[in-house]
Protein backbone atom coordinates (compact mmCIF):
# COMPACT_ATOMS: atom_id res chain seq x y z
CA MET A 1 69.49 65.25 -14.40
CA THR A 2 66.01 65.32 -13.29
CA THR A 3 64.82 69.04 -11.76
CA ALA A 4 62.54 69.68 -8.97
CA THR A 5 61.15 73.00 -8.22
CA ILE A 6 60.54 74.16 -4.69
CA ARG A 7 57.39 76.41 -4.59
CA ILE A 8 56.09 78.56 -1.49
CA GLN A 9 52.36 79.31 -2.42
CA ARG A 10 50.12 80.26 0.51
CA ASN A 11 46.93 79.92 -1.74
CA ASP A 12 46.03 76.02 -1.72
CA GLU A 13 43.36 76.42 -4.63
CA THR A 14 45.99 77.55 -6.53
CA ALA A 15 48.50 74.81 -5.53
CA LEU A 16 45.78 72.32 -6.29
CA ARG A 17 44.63 73.79 -9.47
CA GLN A 18 48.33 73.65 -10.98
CA ALA A 19 48.82 70.28 -9.37
CA LEU A 20 45.43 68.99 -11.14
CA GLU A 21 46.23 70.78 -14.43
CA GLY A 22 49.66 69.03 -14.47
CA PHE A 23 48.21 66.02 -13.58
CA ALA A 24 46.03 66.34 -16.97
CA ALA A 25 48.91 67.23 -18.54
CA ALA A 26 50.92 63.78 -17.95
CA TRP A 27 47.69 61.64 -18.52
CA LYS A 28 46.69 63.17 -22.04
CA THR A 29 50.65 63.03 -23.28
CA GLY A 30 51.70 60.41 -21.41
CA GLU A 31 54.98 61.94 -20.59
CA ALA A 32 56.22 62.90 -17.04
CA GLN A 33 55.43 66.02 -15.83
CA ASP A 34 58.02 68.59 -13.65
CA HIS A 35 58.95 67.86 -10.16
CA VAL A 36 57.03 70.76 -8.12
CA PHE A 37 56.98 70.73 -4.46
CA SER A 38 54.38 73.12 -2.73
CA PHE A 39 54.28 74.35 0.53
CA SER A 40 51.90 77.01 2.40
CA SER A 41 55.06 78.60 4.09
CA PRO A 42 58.68 79.02 4.82
CA GLU A 43 58.21 77.64 7.99
CA GLN A 44 56.59 74.68 6.70
CA LEU A 45 59.09 74.37 3.76
CA PHE A 46 62.01 74.23 6.71
CA MET A 47 59.95 71.98 8.92
CA ILE A 48 60.25 69.54 6.43
CA LEU A 49 63.42 70.35 4.51
CA THR A 50 66.08 70.42 7.68
CA PRO A 51 69.65 70.69 7.07
CA LYS A 52 70.27 67.00 7.75
CA ARG A 53 67.82 66.01 5.20
CA TRP A 54 69.43 68.95 2.66
CA THR A 55 72.86 67.20 3.16
CA LEU A 56 70.92 63.74 2.52
CA ILE A 57 69.25 64.92 -0.58
CA GLU A 58 73.03 66.47 -1.87
CA THR A 59 74.96 62.99 -0.88
CA LEU A 60 72.24 60.70 -3.07
CA GLN A 61 72.69 63.31 -5.76
CA ARG A 62 76.67 62.78 -5.60
CA LEU A 63 76.17 58.75 -5.30
CA GLY A 64 73.29 57.76 -6.97
CA PRO A 65 70.53 54.91 -5.96
CA SER A 66 72.12 53.56 -2.87
CA THR A 67 70.94 51.56 0.28
CA TYR A 68 70.43 53.12 3.61
CA ARG A 69 73.23 51.79 5.33
CA SER A 70 75.91 53.06 2.34
CA LEU A 71 74.29 56.25 2.79
CA ALA A 72 74.37 56.85 6.62
CA SER A 73 77.85 55.44 6.22
CA ALA A 74 78.64 58.52 3.77
CA LEU A 75 76.58 60.79 6.04
CA SER A 76 78.52 59.53 9.28
CA ARG A 77 75.00 58.93 10.85
CA ASP A 78 72.78 56.34 12.38
CA VAL A 79 71.20 54.06 9.88
CA LYS A 80 68.02 54.54 11.26
CA ARG A 81 67.78 58.29 11.88
CA VAL A 82 68.76 58.14 8.07
CA HIS A 83 65.79 56.01 7.44
CA GLU A 84 63.18 58.44 9.28
CA ASP A 85 64.56 61.42 7.63
CA THR A 86 64.11 59.33 4.15
CA ALA A 87 61.14 58.72 4.74
CA ALA A 88 59.89 62.37 5.78
CA LEU A 89 61.30 63.29 2.69
CA ILE A 90 59.53 60.48 0.43
CA GLU A 91 55.96 61.39 2.28
């Protein structure tokens, strides 16, 4: 199972430095680093990670790789909206 860390970090310089350190470590070792998602505030986090998007993530964890249509069906949601939420999470 892959683990992702969600971090709220108000100092952009520190966040950038840590991201660059992770990139450098991956470059040197050839191994993937931990997945870290940094946000500058709780407001920014919850603007991106809405309750519906959190449910989408949990459903994907349960189902595994899925098509938009099968994911929308599992969520009882419109395919277009699931696609929009998935695109926002990827971005």
